[in-house]
Amino acid sequence: MAPLPDHRKSGDPAWQRAWANNTYLTTPLRERGMVCDVQQGLQYGLVYAYPPGHDSVFIIGPEDSGWLVTHQAPAEDWSDFSVVYDSRAGSTPPAGPDAEHGHQLAPLLAAVDAHVARRLRAPAAPISAVPRQVGPPAGRPTHTR
């Protein structure tokens, strides 16, 4: 499971309440390796989910009339922004174990999983195509004293 976010707000009782109110969503996302964070506004809350190995973020909320999930990459700007899942308009009332949260989570999580699978991972450190030489160059004597 992904770790909790590392910031000063995690000790704030208001943040802890917002976190507790969203564990039904953050837990399955963290089980997928995503570090999550929450932000509680006056009218609704947002959940931020950072996929492992990607330089991007999913923003999920509000839940009162359905879910809106957006994806932006890199996470810090809006250069690549897309809607991943939107159940707000024309949705039917939920049933089953997720009914208390407004709408079913399974389709939302499936959309997030599919989007992560389609996206390229953030580039890793460059790997040189030239083999790295270990030891002295070939044909040169080593000096020992």
N, C-alpha and C. Protein backbone atom coordinates (compact mmCIF):
# COMPACT_ATOMS: atom_id res chain seq x y z
N MET A 1 0.85 -1.17 0.00
CA MET A 1 0.00 0.00 0.00
C MET A 1 0.90 1.24 0.00
N ALA A 2 0.49 2.23 -0.76
CA ALA A 2 1.27 3.47 -0.86
C ALA A 2 1.27 4.19 0.49
N PRO A 3 2.32 4.95 0.76
CA PRO A 3 2.38 5.68 2.03
C PRO A 3 1.40 6.85 2.07
N LEU A 4 1.22 7.38 3.26
CA LEU A 4 0.43 8.59 3.43
C LEU A 4 1.21 9.77 2.86
N PRO A 5 0.53 10.86 2.52
CA PRO A 5 1.27 12.02 2.01
C PRO A 5 2.20 12.57 3.07
N ASP A 6 3.27 13.16 2.63
CA ASP A 6 4.28 13.71 3.54
C ASP A 6 4.20 15.23 3.50
N HIS A 7 3.40 15.81 4.38
CA HIS A 7 3.31 17.25 4.47
C HIS A 7 2.86 17.67 5.87
N ARG A 8 2.93 18.95 6.14
CA ARG A 8 2.62 19.46 7.48
C ARG A 8 1.14 19.35 7.83
N LYS A 9 0.26 19.27 6.84
CA LYS A 9 -1.18 19.23 7.11
C LYS A 9 -1.61 17.91 7.74
N SER A 10 -0.83 16.86 7.59
CA SER A 10 -1.27 15.55 8.05
C SER A 10 -1.49 15.51 9.57
N GLY A 11 -0.97 16.47 10.31
CA GLY A 11 -1.21 16.55 11.74
C GLY A 11 -2.39 17.43 12.10
N ASP A 12 -2.97 18.11 11.13
CA ASP A 12 -4.09 19.02 11.35
C ASP A 12 -5.39 18.23 11.52
N PRO A 13 -6.15 18.47 12.59
CA PRO A 13 -7.40 17.72 12.79
C PRO A 13 -8.39 17.86 11.63
N ALA A 14 -8.46 19.02 10.98
CA ALA A 14 -9.38 19.19 9.85
C ALA A 14 -8.94 18.30 8.68
N TRP A 15 -7.64 18.22 8.41
CA TRP A 15 -7.15 17.35 7.34
C TRP A 15 -7.42 15.89 7.72
N GLN A 16 -7.20 15.53 8.96
CA GLN A 16 -7.43 14.15 9.40
C GLN A 16 -8.89 13.75 9.24
N ARG A 17 -9.82 14.68 9.51
CA ARG A 17 -11.25 14.40 9.30
C ARG A 17 -11.54 14.20 7.82
N ALA A 18 -10.99 15.08 6.99
CA ALA A 18 -11.18 14.95 5.53
C ALA A 18 -10.60 13.63 5.05
N TRP A 19 -9.45 13.24 5.56
CA TRP A 19 -8.84 11.97 5.19
C TRP A 19 -9.75 10.81 5.60
N ALA A 20 -10.23 10.84 6.83
CA ALA A 20 -11.11 9.78 7.33
C ALA A 20 -12.39 9.69 6.52
N ASN A 21 -12.92 10.83 6.07
CA ASN A 21 -14.15 10.84 5.28
C ASN A 21 -13.95 10.28 3.88
N ASN A 22 -12.71 10.15 3.43
CA ASN A 22 -12.43 9.69 2.07
C ASN A 22 -11.70 8.36 2.00
N THR A 23 -11.59 7.65 3.13
CA THR A 23 -10.84 6.39 3.10
C THR A 23 -11.47 5.35 2.19
N TYR A 24 -12.78 5.41 1.98
CA TYR A 24 -13.42 4.46 1.08
C TYR A 24 -12.89 4.61 -0.35
N LEU A 25 -12.35 5.78 -0.69
CA LEU A 25 -11.77 6.02 -2.00
C LEU A 25 -10.24 5.94 -1.97
N THR A 26 -9.62 6.53 -0.94
CA THR A 26 -8.16 6.53 -0.89
C THR A 26 -7.58 5.14 -0.67
N THR A 27 -8.28 4.29 0.07
CA THR A 27 -7.75 2.95 0.34
C THR A 27 -7.58 2.14 -0.94
N PRO A 28 -8.60 2.02 -1.82
CA PRO A 28 -8.35 1.24 -3.05
C PRO A 28 -7.32 1.90 -3.97
N LEU A 29 -7.22 3.22 -3.94
CA LEU A 29 -6.19 3.89 -4.75
C LEU A 29 -4.80 3.61 -4.18
N ARG A 30 -4.67 3.67 -2.86
CA ARG A 30 -3.38 3.37 -2.23
C ARG A 30 -3.00 1.92 -2.44
N GLU A 31 -3.98 1.01 -2.48
CA GLU A 31 -3.69 -0.40 -2.76
C GLU A 31 -3.13 -0.57 -4.17
N ARG A 32 -3.40 0.38 -5.06
CA ARG A 32 -2.85 0.38 -6.41
C ARG A 32 -1.50 1.09 -6.47
N GLY A 33 -0.97 1.47 -5.31
CA GLY A 33 0.34 2.10 -5.23
C GLY A 33 0.32 3.61 -5.37
N MET A 34 -0.86 4.22 -5.38
CA MET A 34 -0.95 5.67 -5.56
C MET A 34 -0.90 6.39 -4.22
N VAL A 35 0.00 7.35 -4.13
CA VAL A 35 0.02 8.23 -2.96
C VAL A 35 -1.17 9.17 -3.12
N CYS A 36 -1.99 9.27 -2.08
CA CYS A 36 -3.19 10.10 -2.15
C CYS A 36 -3.10 11.26 -1.17
N ASP A 37 -3.83 12.29 -1.47
CA ASP A 37 -3.96 13.43 -0.57
C ASP A 37 -5.40 13.91 -0.69
N VAL A 38 -5.86 14.66 0.28
CA VAL A 38 -7.22 15.18 0.27
C VAL A 38 -7.21 16.67 0.53
N GLN A 39 -8.20 17.32 -0.01
CA GLN A 39 -8.40 18.74 0.22
C GLN A 39 -9.90 18.95 0.42
N GLN A 40 -10.27 19.51 1.54
CA GLN A 40 -11.67 19.72 1.84
C GLN A 40 -12.01 21.19 1.65
N GLY A 41 -12.94 21.48 0.73
CA GLY A 41 -13.41 22.84 0.53
C GLY A 41 -14.69 23.06 1.31
N LEU A 42 -15.30 24.20 1.09
CA LEU A 42 -16.55 24.50 1.79
C LEU A 42 -17.70 23.64 1.30
N GLN A 43 -17.73 23.34 0.00
CA GLN A 43 -18.85 22.59 -0.57
C GLN A 43 -18.52 21.13 -0.86
N TYR A 44 -17.29 20.82 -1.17
CA TYR A 44 -16.93 19.46 -1.53
C TYR A 44 -15.45 19.23 -1.29
N GLY A 45 -15.07 17.98 -1.33
CA GLY A 45 -13.67 17.62 -1.16
C GLY A 45 -13.10 17.07 -2.44
N LEU A 46 -11.80 17.11 -2.54
CA LEU A 46 -11.07 16.54 -3.68
C LEU A 46 -10.09 15.51 -3.16
N VAL A 47 -9.89 14.47 -3.94
CA VAL A 47 -8.86 13.49 -3.66
C VAL A 47 -7.85 13.58 -4.80
N TYR A 48 -6.59 13.66 -4.44
CA TYR A 48 -5.49 13.67 -5.41
C TYR A 48 -4.82 12.31 -5.33
N ALA A 49 -4.59 11.67 -6.47
CA ALA A 49 -3.94 10.37 -6.52
C ALA A 49 -2.79 10.42 -7.51
N TYR A 50 -1.60 10.11 -7.04
CA TYR A 50 -0.39 10.17 -7.85
C TYR A 50 0.03 8.74 -8.22
N PRO A 51 -0.11 8.35 -9.49
CA PRO A 51 0.25 6.98 -9.89
C PRO A 51 1.74 6.74 -9.73
N PRO A 52 2.12 5.54 -9.29
CA PRO A 52 3.55 5.23 -9.14
C PRO A 52 4.24 5.22 -10.50
N GLY A 53 5.42 5.82 -10.56
CA GLY A 53 6.20 5.82 -11.79
C GLY A 53 5.70 6.78 -12.84
N HIS A 54 4.77 7.64 -12.50
CA HIS A 54 4.23 8.62 -13.44
C HIS A 54 4.39 10.02 -12.86
N ASP A 55 4.59 10.99 -13.70
CA ASP A 55 4.67 12.38 -13.28
C ASP A 55 3.32 13.03 -13.55
N SER A 56 2.29 12.56 -12.86
CA SER A 56 0.95 13.03 -13.13
C SER A 56 0.09 12.89 -11.88
N VAL A 57 -1.14 13.40 -11.98
CA VAL A 57 -2.06 13.32 -10.85
C VAL A 57 -3.49 13.15 -11.36
N PHE A 58 -4.26 12.33 -10.64
CA PHE A 58 -5.70 12.25 -10.85
C PHE A 58 -6.36 13.14 -9.81
N ILE A 59 -7.34 13.89 -10.21
CA ILE A 59 -8.10 14.73 -9.28
C ILE A 59 -9.53 14.21 -9.31
N ILE A 60 -10.03 13.80 -8.15
CA ILE A 60 -11.31 13.11 -8.07
C ILE A 60 -12.26 13.86 -7.14
N GLY A 61 -13.44 14.19 -7.63
CA GLY A 61 -14.45 14.85 -6.80
C GLY A 61 -15.47 15.52 -7.69
N PRO A 62 -16.45 16.17 -7.26
CA PRO A 62 -17.14 15.93 -5.98
C PRO A 62 -18.03 14.70 -6.12
N GLU A 63 -18.61 14.24 -5.04
CA GLU A 63 -19.40 13.02 -5.11
C GLU A 63 -20.89 13.23 -4.91
N ASP A 64 -21.33 14.43 -4.62
CA ASP A 64 -22.75 14.64 -4.32
C ASP A 64 -23.65 14.32 -5.51
N SER A 65 -23.25 14.66 -6.72
CA SER A 65 -24.08 14.36 -7.89
C SER A 65 -23.40 13.38 -8.83
N GLY A 66 -22.31 12.81 -8.41
CA GLY A 66 -21.54 11.88 -9.23
C GLY A 66 -20.06 12.18 -9.11
N TRP A 67 -19.29 11.45 -9.87
CA TRP A 67 -17.83 11.59 -9.83
C TRP A 67 -17.31 12.29 -11.08
N LEU A 68 -16.31 13.11 -10.89
CA LEU A 68 -15.54 13.67 -11.99
C LEU A 68 -14.08 13.36 -11.69
N VAL A 69 -13.44 12.64 -12.61
CA VAL A 69 -12.03 12.30 -12.46
C VAL A 69 -11.29 12.92 -13.62
N THR A 70 -10.32 13.76 -13.31
CA THR A 70 -9.49 14.36 -14.35
C THR A 70 -8.05 13.89 -14.14
N HIS A 71 -7.27 14.02 -15.18
CA HIS A 71 -5.87 13.63 -15.14
C HIS A 71 -5.05 14.76 -15.73
N GLN A 72 -4.00 15.12 -15.05
CA GLN A 72 -3.10 16.13 -15.61
C GLN A 72 -1.67 15.67 -15.47
N ALA A 73 -0.90 15.94 -16.52
CA ALA A 73 0.50 15.56 -16.55
C ALA A 73 1.29 16.63 -17.28
N PRO A 74 2.41 17.02 -16.76
CA PRO A 74 2.90 16.71 -15.43
C PRO A 74 1.95 17.25 -14.36
N ALA A 75 2.11 16.74 -13.16
CA ALA A 75 1.19 17.06 -12.07
C ALA A 75 1.14 18.55 -11.76
N GLU A 76 2.22 19.27 -12.02
CA GLU A 76 2.29 20.67 -11.62
C GLU A 76 1.67 21.64 -12.61
N ASP A 77 1.38 21.22 -13.81
CA ASP A 77 0.81 22.17 -14.77
C ASP A 77 -0.35 21.53 -15.54
N TRP A 78 -0.93 22.27 -16.44
CA TRP A 78 -2.11 21.82 -17.16
C TRP A 78 -1.78 21.56 -18.63
N SER A 79 -0.54 21.22 -18.96
CA SER A 79 -0.17 21.05 -20.36
C SER A 79 -0.84 19.82 -20.98
N ASP A 80 -1.12 18.80 -20.19
CA ASP A 80 -1.83 17.62 -20.68
C ASP A 80 -2.95 17.34 -19.68
N PHE A 81 -4.16 17.72 -20.03
CA PHE A 81 -5.31 17.61 -19.15
C PHE A 81 -6.39 16.82 -19.85
N SER A 82 -6.98 15.84 -19.15
CA SER A 82 -8.06 15.06 -19.76
C SER A 82 -9.06 14.63 -18.71
N VAL A 83 -10.29 14.44 -19.15
CA VAL A 83 -11.33 13.88 -18.29
C VAL A 83 -11.25 12.37 -18.44
N VAL A 84 -11.10 11.67 -17.33
CA VAL A 84 -10.96 10.22 -17.32
C VAL A 84 -12.30 9.55 -17.07
N TYR A 85 -13.11 10.14 -16.22
CA TYR A 85 -14.38 9.54 -15.83
C TYR A 85 -15.32 10.63 -15.36
N ASP A 86 -16.58 10.56 -15.81
CA ASP A 86 -17.58 11.55 -15.41
C ASP A 86 -18.93 10.86 -15.28
N SER A 87 -19.40 10.73 -14.04
CA SER A 87 -20.69 10.08 -13.81
C SER A 87 -21.72 11.09 -13.30
N ARG A 88 -21.42 12.37 -13.43
CA ARG A 88 -22.31 13.39 -12.86
C ARG A 88 -23.62 13.52 -13.61
N ALA A 89 -23.59 13.56 -14.92
CA ALA A 89 -24.81 13.80 -15.70
C ALA A 89 -25.46 12.48 -16.09
N GLY A 90 -26.74 12.38 -15.86
CA GLY A 90 -27.50 11.22 -16.31
C GLY A 90 -27.19 9.94 -15.59
N SER A 91 -26.63 10.03 -14.39
CA SER A 91 -26.31 8.80 -13.69
C SER A 91 -27.52 8.27 -12.93
N THR A 92 -27.49 6.99 -12.68
CA THR A 92 -28.58 6.37 -11.94
C THR A 92 -28.17 6.24 -10.48
N PRO A 93 -29.13 6.18 -9.59
CA PRO A 93 -28.78 6.02 -8.17
C PRO A 93 -27.99 4.74 -7.96
N PRO A 94 -27.00 4.79 -7.09
CA PRO A 94 -26.15 3.63 -6.87
C PRO A 94 -26.86 2.54 -6.07
N ALA A 95 -26.32 1.36 -6.18
CA ALA A 95 -26.77 0.23 -5.39
C ALA A 95 -25.54 -0.52 -4.90
N GLY A 96 -25.71 -1.39 -3.98
CA GLY A 96 -24.59 -2.19 -3.51
C GLY A 96 -23.80 -1.51 -2.43
N PRO A 97 -22.60 -2.03 -2.14
CA PRO A 97 -21.82 -1.56 -1.00
C PRO A 97 -21.35 -0.11 -1.10
N ASP A 98 -21.27 0.45 -2.30
CA ASP A 98 -20.79 1.82 -2.45
C ASP A 98 -21.92 2.84 -2.44
N ALA A 99 -23.16 2.41 -2.25
CA ALA A 99 -24.32 3.30 -2.34
C ALA A 99 -24.23 4.47 -1.37
N GLU A 100 -23.68 4.24 -0.20
CA GLU A 100 -23.61 5.32 0.78
C GLU A 100 -22.68 6.45 0.34
N HIS A 101 -21.83 6.21 -0.62
CA HIS A 101 -20.88 7.22 -1.08
C HIS A 101 -21.35 7.94 -2.33
N GLY A 102 -22.58 7.76 -2.71
CA GLY A 102 -23.13 8.51 -3.83
C GLY A 102 -23.14 7.76 -5.14
N HIS A 103 -22.09 7.09 -5.49
CA HIS A 103 -22.00 6.37 -6.75
C HIS A 103 -21.02 5.22 -6.60
N GLN A 104 -21.18 4.23 -7.42
CA GLN A 104 -20.32 3.07 -7.33
C GLN A 104 -18.88 3.41 -7.67
N LEU A 105 -17.96 2.80 -6.94
CA LEU A 105 -16.54 3.05 -7.16
C LEU A 105 -15.95 2.18 -8.25
N ALA A 106 -16.50 1.00 -8.49
CA ALA A 106 -15.90 0.07 -9.44
C ALA A 106 -15.68 0.69 -10.82
N PRO A 107 -16.67 1.37 -11.42
CA PRO A 107 -16.41 1.97 -12.74
C PRO A 107 -15.36 3.09 -12.68
N LEU A 108 -15.35 3.84 -11.61
CA LEU A 108 -14.35 4.90 -11.45
C LEU A 108 -12.96 4.29 -11.38
N LEU A 109 -12.78 3.28 -10.55
CA LEU A 109 -11.47 2.64 -10.40
C LEU A 109 -11.04 1.96 -11.70
N ALA A 110 -11.98 1.37 -12.41
CA ALA A 110 -11.65 0.74 -13.69
C ALA A 110 -11.17 1.78 -14.70
N ALA A 111 -11.80 2.96 -14.70
CA ALA A 111 -11.38 4.03 -15.62
C ALA A 111 -9.99 4.53 -15.26
N VAL A 112 -9.71 4.67 -13.98
CA VAL A 112 -8.38 5.10 -13.52
C VAL A 112 -7.34 4.05 -13.92
N ASP A 113 -7.63 2.78 -13.65
CA ASP A 113 -6.70 1.70 -14.01
C ASP A 113 -6.41 1.69 -15.51
N ALA A 114 -7.45 1.82 -16.32
CA ALA A 114 -7.27 1.81 -17.78
C ALA A 114 -6.43 3.00 -18.23
N HIS A 115 -6.66 4.15 -17.63
CA HIS A 115 -5.90 5.34 -18.02
C HIS A 115 -4.42 5.19 -17.66
N VAL A 116 -4.14 4.67 -16.48
CA VAL A 116 -2.75 4.46 -16.07
C VAL A 116 -2.07 3.46 -17.00
N ALA A 117 -2.79 2.40 -17.38
CA ALA A 117 -2.21 1.39 -18.26
C ALA A 117 -1.87 1.95 -19.64
N ARG A 118 -2.64 2.92 -20.11
CA ARG A 118 -2.40 3.52 -21.44
C ARG A 118 -1.28 4.55 -21.42
N ARG A 119 -1.03 5.16 -20.27
CA ARG A 119 -0.05 6.24 -20.18
C ARG A 119 1.36 5.69 -20.08
N LEU A 120 2.28 6.38 -20.71
CA LEU A 120 3.69 6.04 -20.54
C LEU A 120 4.13 6.47 -19.15
N ARG A 121 5.06 5.73 -18.63
CA ARG A 121 5.62 6.10 -17.33
C ARG A 121 6.54 7.30 -17.50
N ALA A 122 6.77 8.02 -16.41
CA ALA A 122 7.70 9.15 -16.45
C ALA A 122 9.07 8.62 -16.83
N PRO A 123 9.82 9.40 -17.61
CA PRO A 123 11.14 8.91 -18.01
C PRO A 123 12.05 8.71 -16.81
N ALA A 124 12.76 7.62 -16.85
CA ALA A 124 13.73 7.33 -15.80
C ALA A 124 15.02 8.08 -16.12
N ALA A 125 16.00 7.95 -15.26
CA ALA A 125 17.30 8.56 -15.51
C ALA A 125 17.83 8.02 -16.83
N PRO A 126 18.46 8.89 -17.64
CA PRO A 126 18.96 8.42 -18.94
C PRO A 126 19.97 7.30 -18.78
N ILE A 127 19.88 6.34 -19.67
CA ILE A 127 20.81 5.22 -19.68
C ILE A 127 21.68 5.36 -20.91
N SER A 128 22.96 5.33 -20.71
CA SER A 128 23.90 5.49 -21.82
C SER A 128 23.91 4.23 -22.68
N ALA A 129 23.94 4.44 -23.99
CA ALA A 129 24.02 3.31 -24.91
C ALA A 129 25.45 2.82 -25.04
N VAL A 130 26.40 3.61 -24.57
CA VAL A 130 27.81 3.24 -24.63
C VAL A 130 28.15 2.43 -23.38
N PRO A 131 28.72 1.24 -23.56
CA PRO A 131 29.06 0.44 -22.37
C PRO A 131 30.04 1.18 -21.48
N ARG A 132 29.82 1.09 -20.21
CA ARG A 132 30.70 1.74 -19.24
C ARG A 132 31.91 0.85 -19.00
N GLN A 133 33.08 1.48 -19.05
CA GLN A 133 34.31 0.73 -18.86
C GLN A 133 34.67 0.73 -17.39
N VAL A 134 35.05 -0.42 -16.92
CA VAL A 134 35.48 -0.55 -15.53
C VAL A 134 36.95 -0.89 -15.54
N GLY A 135 37.74 -0.19 -14.74
CA GLY A 135 39.17 -0.45 -14.67
C GLY A 135 39.94 0.38 -15.68
N PRO A 136 41.23 0.15 -15.79
CA PRO A 136 42.04 0.94 -16.72
C PRO A 136 41.71 0.59 -18.16
N PRO A 137 41.95 1.52 -19.10
CA PRO A 137 41.69 1.24 -20.51
C PRO A 137 42.50 0.04 -20.98
N ALA A 138 41.94 -0.71 -21.90
CA ALA A 138 42.62 -1.90 -22.43
C ALA A 138 43.92 -1.51 -23.09
N GLY A 139 44.94 -2.31 -22.89
CA GLY A 139 46.22 -2.07 -23.54
C GLY A 139 47.11 -1.12 -22.78
N ARG A 140 46.64 -0.56 -21.69
CA ARG A 140 47.47 0.34 -20.89
C ARG A 140 47.93 -0.39 -19.63
N PRO A 141 49.17 -0.23 -19.29
CA PRO A 141 49.65 -0.90 -18.07
C PRO A 141 49.08 -0.19 -16.84
N THR A 142 48.90 -0.97 -15.79
CA THR A 142 48.49 -0.38 -14.52
C THR A 142 49.74 -0.13 -13.72
N HIS A 143 49.73 0.93 -12.98
CA HIS A 143 50.88 1.28 -12.14
C HIS A 143 50.61 0.87 -10.72
N THR A 144 51.51 0.12 -10.16
CA THR A 144 51.38 -0.25 -8.75
C THR A 144 52.64 0.18 -8.05
N ARG A 145 52.54 0.61 -6.86
CA ARG A 145 53.71 1.00 -6.06
C ARG A 145 53.57 0.51 -4.69
